[in-house]
């Protein structure tokens, strides 16, 4: 039974980790997924800062009345 499990394990390793196509896809996923997450966070922060800057510019064009 143990010998059969070792053979199955070796077969699985050979079909996955030693497969160039699988490795290319795995490396691409490890490389691209974090970049996509970081890009989404950066875009969100950029949009928020852009809205804040736009609000400040509009407020500077139309100052509020000062109460005396």
N, C-alpha and C. Protein backbone atom coordinates (compact mmCIF):
# COMPACT_ATOMS: atom_id res chain seq x y z
N UNK A 1 0.83 -1.20 0.00
CA UNK A 1 0.00 0.00 0.00
C UNK A 1 0.86 1.25 0.00
N UNK A 2 1.91 1.27 0.79
CA UNK A 2 2.79 2.42 0.87
C UNK A 2 3.49 2.67 -0.45
N UNK A 3 3.90 1.61 -1.14
CA UNK A 3 4.57 1.73 -2.43
C UNK A 3 3.64 2.36 -3.46
N UNK A 4 2.37 1.97 -3.41
CA UNK A 4 1.39 2.51 -4.35
C UNK A 4 1.18 4.00 -4.09
N UNK A 5 1.12 4.41 -2.83
CA UNK A 5 0.95 5.82 -2.50
C UNK A 5 2.14 6.64 -2.97
N UNK A 6 3.34 6.09 -2.85
CA UNK A 6 4.54 6.80 -3.31
C UNK A 6 4.51 6.97 -4.82
N UNK A 7 4.05 5.94 -5.53
CA UNK A 7 3.98 6.03 -6.99
C UNK A 7 2.94 7.06 -7.42
N UNK A 8 1.83 7.09 -6.73
CA UNK A 8 0.78 8.06 -7.04
C UNK A 8 1.30 9.47 -6.75
N UNK A 9 1.98 9.62 -5.64
CA UNK A 9 2.53 10.92 -5.28
C UNK A 9 3.56 11.38 -6.31
N UNK A 10 4.43 10.50 -6.74
CA UNK A 10 5.43 10.84 -7.75
C UNK A 10 4.75 11.22 -9.06
N UNK A 11 3.70 10.50 -9.42
CA UNK A 11 2.97 10.79 -10.65
C UNK A 11 2.32 12.17 -10.58
N UNK A 12 1.72 12.50 -9.44
CA UNK A 12 1.09 13.81 -9.26
C UNK A 12 2.14 14.91 -9.34
N UNK A 13 3.28 14.70 -8.68
CA UNK A 13 4.35 15.70 -8.73
C UNK A 13 4.85 15.87 -10.15
N UNK A 14 5.01 14.76 -10.86
CA UNK A 14 5.50 14.84 -12.22
C UNK A 14 4.51 15.58 -13.12
N UNK A 15 3.21 15.35 -12.92
CA UNK A 15 2.20 15.97 -13.77
C UNK A 15 1.97 17.45 -13.43
N UNK A 16 2.33 17.86 -12.23
CA UNK A 16 2.08 19.25 -11.86
C UNK A 16 3.36 20.06 -11.80
N UNK A 17 4.18 19.84 -10.80
CA UNK A 17 5.34 20.70 -10.57
C UNK A 17 6.38 20.61 -11.66
N UNK A 18 6.49 19.49 -12.29
CA UNK A 18 7.50 19.35 -13.35
C UNK A 18 6.92 19.62 -14.73
N UNK A 19 5.70 20.04 -14.78
CA UNK A 19 5.05 20.36 -16.04
C UNK A 19 5.32 21.83 -16.35
N UNK A 20 5.97 22.12 -17.48
CA UNK A 20 6.31 23.52 -17.79
C UNK A 20 5.10 24.43 -17.93
N UNK A 21 4.02 23.92 -18.50
CA UNK A 21 2.83 24.74 -18.66
C UNK A 21 2.23 25.09 -17.30
N UNK A 22 2.13 24.12 -16.42
CA UNK A 22 1.61 24.37 -15.08
C UNK A 22 2.48 25.38 -14.35
N UNK A 23 3.79 25.22 -14.45
CA UNK A 23 4.71 26.12 -13.75
C UNK A 23 4.60 27.54 -14.32
N UNK A 24 4.45 27.66 -15.62
CA UNK A 24 4.31 28.99 -16.22
C UNK A 24 3.04 29.67 -15.71
N UNK A 25 1.95 28.92 -15.64
CA UNK A 25 0.70 29.50 -15.14
C UNK A 25 0.82 29.83 -13.65
N UNK A 26 1.45 28.95 -12.88
CA UNK A 26 1.60 29.20 -11.44
C UNK A 26 2.45 30.44 -11.19
N UNK A 27 3.55 30.56 -11.91
CA UNK A 27 4.43 31.74 -11.73
C UNK A 27 3.70 33.00 -12.17
N UNK A 28 2.96 32.92 -13.27
CA UNK A 28 2.21 34.09 -13.74
C UNK A 28 1.18 34.52 -12.70
N UNK A 29 0.50 33.56 -12.08
CA UNK A 29 -0.50 33.90 -11.07
C UNK A 29 0.15 34.52 -9.84
N UNK A 30 1.26 33.96 -9.42
CA UNK A 30 1.96 34.50 -8.25
C UNK A 30 2.48 35.89 -8.55
N UNK A 31 2.82 36.15 -9.80
CA UNK A 31 3.37 37.44 -10.20
C UNK A 31 2.27 38.48 -10.42
N UNK A 32 1.18 38.07 -11.05
CA UNK A 32 0.16 39.03 -11.49
C UNK A 32 -0.91 39.35 -10.44
N UNK A 33 -1.31 38.39 -9.66
CA UNK A 33 -2.40 38.62 -8.70
C UNK A 33 -2.06 39.74 -7.71
N UNK A 34 -0.86 39.73 -7.09
CA UNK A 34 -0.55 40.85 -6.19
C UNK A 34 -0.50 42.20 -6.92
N UNK A 35 -0.02 42.19 -8.17
CA UNK A 35 0.02 43.44 -8.93
C UNK A 35 -1.38 43.97 -9.18
N UNK A 36 -2.32 43.10 -9.47
CA UNK A 36 -3.69 43.54 -9.71
C UNK A 36 -4.33 44.09 -8.44
N UNK A 37 -4.04 43.45 -7.31
CA UNK A 37 -4.57 43.93 -6.04
C UNK A 37 -3.99 45.30 -5.70
N UNK A 38 -2.69 45.44 -5.85
CA UNK A 38 -2.03 46.72 -5.56
C UNK A 38 -2.53 47.81 -6.51
N UNK A 39 -2.72 47.47 -7.78
CA UNK A 39 -3.22 48.44 -8.76
C UNK A 39 -4.61 48.94 -8.36
N UNK A 40 -5.46 48.03 -7.93
CA UNK A 40 -6.82 48.40 -7.53
C UNK A 40 -6.80 49.34 -6.32
N UNK A 41 -5.94 49.05 -5.35
CA UNK A 41 -5.82 49.90 -4.17
C UNK A 41 -5.29 51.27 -4.56
N UNK A 42 -4.28 51.30 -5.42
CA UNK A 42 -3.69 52.58 -5.85
C UNK A 42 -4.72 53.42 -6.62
N UNK A 43 -5.50 52.79 -7.50
CA UNK A 43 -6.52 53.52 -8.25
C UNK A 43 -7.56 54.11 -7.30
N UNK A 44 -7.95 53.34 -6.31
CA UNK A 44 -8.93 53.82 -5.34
C UNK A 44 -8.39 55.04 -4.59
N UNK A 45 -7.16 54.95 -4.12
CA UNK A 45 -6.54 56.07 -3.41
C UNK A 45 -6.40 57.29 -4.32
N UNK A 46 -6.07 57.06 -5.59
CA UNK A 46 -5.92 58.17 -6.55
C UNK A 46 -7.26 58.87 -6.76
N UNK A 47 -8.33 58.10 -6.92
CA UNK A 47 -9.65 58.70 -7.13
C UNK A 47 -10.07 59.53 -5.92
N UNK A 48 -9.82 59.02 -4.73
CA UNK A 48 -10.19 59.75 -3.52
C UNK A 48 -9.39 61.05 -3.41
N UNK A 49 -8.09 60.97 -3.65
CA UNK A 49 -7.27 62.19 -3.56
C UNK A 49 -7.64 63.18 -4.65
N UNK A 50 -8.01 62.69 -5.81
CA UNK A 50 -8.43 63.57 -6.90
C UNK A 50 -9.71 64.32 -6.52
N UNK A 51 -10.66 63.63 -5.89
CA UNK A 51 -11.90 64.27 -5.47
C UNK A 51 -11.63 65.30 -4.38
N UNK A 52 -10.72 65.01 -3.47
CA UNK A 52 -10.40 65.96 -2.41
C UNK A 52 -9.76 67.21 -3.01
N UNK A 53 -8.83 67.05 -3.94
CA UNK A 53 -8.19 68.20 -4.58
C UNK A 53 -9.21 69.03 -5.36
N UNK A 54 -10.11 68.34 -6.06
CA UNK A 54 -11.13 69.05 -6.83
C UNK A 54 -12.04 69.85 -5.89
N UNK A 55 -12.41 69.26 -4.77
CA UNK A 55 -13.25 69.97 -3.81
C UNK A 55 -12.54 71.20 -3.27
N UNK A 56 -11.25 71.10 -2.97
CA UNK A 56 -10.49 72.24 -2.47
C UNK A 56 -10.41 73.35 -3.52
N UNK A 57 -10.21 72.99 -4.78
CA UNK A 57 -10.14 74.00 -5.84
C UNK A 57 -11.48 74.70 -6.02
N UNK A 58 -12.57 73.94 -5.97
CA UNK A 58 -13.90 74.55 -6.11
C UNK A 58 -14.18 75.46 -4.92
N UNK A 59 -13.81 75.02 -3.71
CA UNK A 59 -14.01 75.85 -2.52
C UNK A 59 -13.21 77.14 -2.59
N UNK A 60 -12.02 77.09 -3.21
CA UNK A 60 -11.22 78.31 -3.32
C UNK A 60 -11.83 79.29 -4.32
N UNK A 61 -12.57 78.79 -5.30
CA UNK A 61 -13.21 79.67 -6.27
C UNK A 61 -14.46 80.33 -5.69
N UNK A 62 -15.14 79.63 -4.83
CA UNK A 62 -16.37 80.15 -4.24
C UNK A 62 -16.22 80.18 -2.72
N UNK A 63 -15.55 81.19 -2.22
CA UNK A 63 -15.35 81.24 -0.76
C UNK A 63 -16.68 81.44 -0.03
N UNK A 64 -16.75 80.90 1.16
CA UNK A 64 -17.96 81.04 1.96
C UNK A 64 -18.00 82.43 2.57
N UNK A 65 -19.21 82.89 2.79
CA UNK A 65 -19.37 84.22 3.40
C UNK A 65 -18.90 84.19 4.83
N UNK A 66 -18.22 85.25 5.20
CA UNK A 66 -17.75 85.35 6.59
C UNK A 66 -18.82 86.02 7.41
N UNK A 67 -19.07 85.48 8.56
CA UNK A 67 -20.08 86.08 9.44
C UNK A 67 -19.41 87.12 10.32
N UNK A 68 -20.06 88.27 10.46
CA UNK A 68 -19.50 89.34 11.28
C UNK A 68 -20.17 89.42 12.61
